[in-house]
């Protein structure tokens, strides 16, 4: 429940970045897909990590798996 709550705090753009990060995409690939700069993606990615309380991308992937399993 806490995990779902934290995910709910993400903005729509942060959710897009979250989804692509857990797919294993690079910042450059995410920027191209979203039509934004790599620097902007880095900022969103940093906020996603902070809001989700993830220490690493591996943590973020585990969280995404739990979220998908809970739906």
Protein backbone atom coordinates (compact mmCIF):
# COMPACT_ATOMS: atom_id res chain seq x y z
CA UNK A 1 0.00 0.00 0.00
CA UNK A 2 2.84 2.40 0.85
CA UNK A 3 4.51 1.56 -2.44
CA UNK A 4 1.34 2.32 -4.40
CA UNK A 5 0.99 5.58 -2.47
CA UNK A 6 4.54 6.64 -3.35
CA UNK A 7 3.92 5.75 -7.00
CA UNK A 8 0.79 7.90 -6.87
CA UNK A 9 2.93 10.91 -5.93
CA UNK A 10 4.73 10.78 -9.28
CA UNK A 11 3.70 13.26 -11.94
CA UNK A 12 2.50 11.82 -15.28
CA UNK A 13 5.91 12.62 -16.84
CA UNK A 14 7.75 11.02 -13.93
CA UNK A 15 5.62 7.89 -14.41
CA UNK A 16 6.64 7.79 -18.08
CA UNK A 17 10.29 8.04 -17.06
CA UNK A 18 9.76 5.42 -14.31
CA UNK A 19 8.27 2.97 -16.84
CA UNK A 20 11.14 3.40 -19.27
CA UNK A 21 13.85 3.22 -16.59
CA UNK A 22 12.51 -0.11 -15.35
CA UNK A 23 12.47 -1.36 -18.95
CA UNK A 24 16.23 -0.76 -18.94
CA UNK A 25 16.26 2.24 -21.25
CA UNK A 26 19.13 4.73 -21.17
CA UNK A 27 18.54 8.42 -20.45
CA UNK A 28 19.34 9.20 -24.07
CA UNK A 29 16.75 6.69 -25.32
CA UNK A 30 14.13 8.00 -22.89
CA UNK A 31 14.80 11.58 -24.00
CA UNK A 32 14.37 10.59 -27.65
CA UNK A 33 11.13 8.73 -26.96
CA UNK A 34 9.65 11.58 -24.92
CA UNK A 35 10.94 14.37 -27.14
CA UNK A 36 12.89 16.08 -24.37
CA UNK A 37 16.52 16.61 -23.42
CA UNK A 38 18.72 14.10 -21.67
CA UNK A 39 19.26 16.63 -18.91
CA UNK A 40 15.50 16.85 -18.29
CA UNK A 41 15.26 13.06 -18.15
CA UNK A 42 18.06 13.00 -15.57
CA UNK A 43 16.13 15.48 -13.42
CA UNK A 44 12.91 13.44 -13.68
CA UNK A 45 14.79 10.23 -12.99
CA UNK A 46 16.36 11.74 -9.89
CA UNK A 47 12.94 12.83 -8.58
CA UNK A 48 11.49 9.39 -9.33
CA UNK A 49 14.27 7.71 -7.33
CA UNK A 50 13.76 10.14 -4.45
CA UNK A 51 9.94 9.94 -4.37
CA UNK A 52 9.96 6.15 -4.64
CA UNK A 53 12.70 5.80 -2.01
CA UNK A 54 14.86 3.72 -4.34
CA UNK A 55 18.59 3.48 -3.76
CA UNK A 56 19.29 1.97 -7.16
CA UNK A 57 17.67 1.10 -10.48
CA UNK A 58 17.49 -2.51 -9.26
CA UNK A 59 15.37 -1.32 -6.32
CA UNK A 60 13.14 0.56 -8.75
CA UNK A 61 12.70 -2.57 -10.89
CA UNK A 62 11.72 -4.61 -7.82
CA UNK A 63 9.20 -1.93 -6.89
CA UNK A 64 7.74 -1.97 -10.40
CA UNK A 65 7.39 -5.77 -10.22
CA UNK A 66 5.56 -5.49 -6.89
CA UNK A 67 3.27 -2.78 -8.29
CA UNK A 68 2.42 -4.94 -11.32
CA UNK A 69 1.81 -7.96 -9.11
CA UNK A 70 -0.48 -5.99 -6.83
CA UNK A 71 -2.69 -4.68 -9.63
